[in-house]
Protein backbone atom coordinates (compact mmCIF):
# COMPACT_ATOMS: atom_id res chain seq x y z
CA MET A 1 -0.19 0.00 -0.08
CA LYS A 2 1.17 3.37 -0.56
CA LYS A 3 1.82 5.69 1.71
CA SER A 4 1.39 9.32 1.09
CA LYS A 5 3.10 12.42 2.45
CA ILE A 6 1.87 15.71 3.83
CA THR A 7 5.55 18.57 2.68
CA ILE A 8 4.42 21.37 3.92
CA VAL A 9 7.08 24.47 2.46
CA THR A 10 6.87 28.13 4.21
CA GLY A 11 8.68 30.43 4.68
CA THR A 12 9.35 34.20 4.22
CA PRO A 13 8.23 35.95 0.82
CA ALA A 14 10.50 36.21 -1.70
CA THR A 15 12.75 33.32 -0.20
CA GLY A 16 11.62 30.67 -3.03
CA LYS A 17 8.56 28.66 -1.17
CA THR A 18 6.89 28.23 -4.64
CA THR A 19 10.27 27.24 -6.94
CA VAL A 20 10.97 24.96 -4.22
CA ALA A 21 7.68 23.47 -4.00
CA SER A 22 6.88 22.60 -7.68
CA ALA A 23 10.11 21.13 -7.92
CA ILE A 24 9.48 18.85 -5.23
CA ALA A 25 6.15 18.44 -6.34
CA MET A 26 7.37 17.55 -9.14
CA ARG A 27 10.10 15.15 -8.64
CA THR A 28 8.38 13.36 -5.94
CA HIS A 29 4.96 12.91 -8.10
CA ALA A 30 3.01 14.36 -5.40
CA LEU A 31 0.05 17.13 -6.23
CA TYR A 32 1.66 21.25 -5.49
CA ILE A 33 -1.07 23.01 -3.64
CA ASP A 34 -1.04 27.02 -4.72
CA VAL A 35 -2.76 27.92 -0.80
CA ASN A 36 -2.70 31.56 -2.45
CA ALA A 37 -5.41 30.50 -5.33
CA ILE A 38 -7.36 29.08 -2.35
CA ILE A 39 -8.01 31.91 -0.49
CA LYS A 40 -8.82 33.90 -3.56
CA LYS A 41 -11.00 31.08 -4.38
CA GLU A 42 -12.92 30.72 -1.11
CA LYS A 43 -12.51 34.37 -0.43
CA LEU A 44 -10.49 33.68 3.03
CA TRP A 45 -9.35 36.90 3.79
CA VAL A 46 -11.18 39.14 7.03
CA ASN A 47 -10.17 42.49 6.49
CA TYR A 48 -7.40 44.40 4.65
CA ASP A 49 -4.58 46.69 6.11
CA LYS A 50 -4.70 49.74 3.35
CA LYS A 51 -0.86 50.59 5.40
CA ARG A 52 0.77 47.27 4.59
CA LYS A 53 -1.27 46.87 1.20
CA ALA A 54 -2.30 43.06 2.29
CA LYS A 55 -5.04 40.98 2.70
CA ILE A 56 -5.62 40.05 6.78
CA ILE A 57 -6.55 36.11 6.33
CA ASP A 58 -8.39 33.77 8.67
CA THR A 59 -6.24 31.26 9.19
CA LYS A 60 -8.53 29.03 11.14
CA LYS A 61 -10.87 29.08 7.73
CA LEU A 62 -7.90 28.18 5.64
CA ASN A 63 -6.57 25.57 7.77
CA ASN A 64 -10.39 23.70 7.79
CA ILE A 65 -10.12 23.70 3.98
CA LEU A 66 -6.25 22.81 4.16
CA ILE A 67 -7.00 19.75 6.84
CA ARG A 68 -10.19 18.49 4.20
CA ILE A 69 -7.69 18.78 1.06
CA ILE A 70 -5.16 16.55 3.57
CA LYS A 71 -7.65 13.90 4.72
CA GLU A 72 -9.16 13.71 1.29
CA ALA A 73 -5.64 13.26 0.00
CA ARG A 74 -4.23 10.18 3.05
CA LYS A 75 -8.12 8.16 2.06
CA LYS A 76 -6.68 8.53 -1.84
CA GLU A 77 -3.13 7.72 -0.73
CA ILE A 78 -1.86 11.24 -2.84
CA SER A 79 1.01 13.14 -1.73
CA LEU A 80 0.65 16.41 -0.62
CA VAL A 81 3.05 19.93 -1.38
CA ILE A 82 0.94 22.75 0.01
CA ASP A 83 3.47 26.20 -0.63
CA SER A 84 2.44 29.13 1.68
CA HIS A 85 3.96 31.39 4.37
CA LEU A 86 0.74 30.49 6.42
CA SER A 87 1.60 26.92 5.64
CA HIS A 88 3.08 26.05 9.46
CA TYR A 89 -0.15 27.19 11.02
CA LEU A 90 -1.10 23.59 10.30
CA PRO A 91 -0.78 21.02 13.56
CA LYS A 92 2.12 18.62 13.02
CA LYS A 93 -0.58 15.94 13.30
CA CYS A 94 -1.66 16.56 9.60
CA VAL A 95 2.25 17.09 8.20
CA ASP A 96 4.85 14.90 7.75
CA CYS A 97 7.83 17.36 6.50
CA CYS A 98 8.10 21.16 6.89
CA ILE A 99 10.46 23.04 4.82
CA VAL A 100 11.39 26.37 5.57
CA THR A 101 13.48 28.75 2.96
CA LYS A 102 15.45 31.18 3.45
CA THR A 103 17.55 33.30 1.64
CA SER A 104 20.13 35.62 1.81
CA LEU A 105 18.87 38.80 2.93
CA LYS A 106 20.45 40.75 -0.60
CA LYS A 107 18.69 38.25 -2.96
CA LEU A 108 15.40 39.18 -0.76
CA LYS A 109 15.26 42.83 -0.90
CA ASN A 110 15.88 42.69 -4.79
CA ARG A 111 13.11 39.80 -4.77
CA LEU A 112 10.96 41.96 -3.30
CA LYS A 113 11.32 45.06 -4.83
CA LYS A 114 10.71 43.39 -8.31
CA ARG A 115 7.34 43.03 -7.01
CA VAL A 116 7.09 46.13 -5.89
CA TYR A 117 6.68 46.54 -3.01
CA GLU A 118 6.75 49.51 -0.50
CA GLU A 119 9.80 50.18 1.71
CA ALA A 120 8.01 49.69 4.75
CA LYS A 121 6.54 46.18 3.61
CA ILE A 122 10.16 45.33 2.30
CA ARG A 123 11.21 46.19 6.11
CA GLU A 124 8.90 44.04 7.54
CA ASN A 125 9.62 40.89 5.12
CA MET A 126 13.11 41.46 5.61
CA ASP A 127 12.86 41.53 9.80
CA CYS A 128 10.70 38.32 9.08
CA GLU A 129 13.80 36.74 7.68
CA ILE A 130 16.81 38.52 10.06
CA PHE A 131 14.30 36.67 13.03
CA ASP A 132 13.62 33.92 11.38
CA VAL A 133 10.00 34.12 11.98
CA CYS A 134 8.76 31.65 9.99
CA LEU A 135 11.31 28.66 11.19
CA THR A 136 10.82 29.58 14.78
CA GLU A 137 6.65 29.55 14.38
CA ALA A 138 7.35 26.04 12.34
CA GLU A 139 9.35 24.34 15.31
CA GLU A 140 7.24 25.83 18.01
CA ALA A 141 4.16 24.06 16.30
CA GLY A 142 6.22 20.64 16.49
CA HIS A 143 6.97 20.14 13.27
CA LYS A 144 9.69 18.47 11.95
CA VAL A 145 11.65 21.26 9.99
CA ILE A 146 14.48 21.57 7.25
CA VAL A 147 15.64 24.32 6.39
CA ILE A 148 16.83 25.04 2.33
CA GLU A 149 18.72 28.16 1.88
CA THR A 150 17.31 29.79 -1.93
């Protein structure tokens, strides 16, 4: 019997999550899950932060949807690679492996500028990378963490 594997890929925006998650999904023949597409389709934001120009996501509703997707995949013995800087909020019992992407501050700043982020948002994301916010939160949640430098 084939066992499904649930891998989450998290990290500060622009650290390479999508590139890493897509490559893992392709190499392992897993189904790639774009959480941003789910958020958009299901309208999972509760508010809009004008200062940050970002939607405030209802992570509880998002987790409920992702847990349903994971349960269905496990039933069908399908492996998943879930791509999102919010994926580490999933309970550890639902996840087999948590990959945290990291990159140099110089690369991160250049990538965020290419995305036309405002200076305050660039600074906030750089601070998240400096202080390892996603890594720390993933470890505190009890995930088995692998760090990949991109």
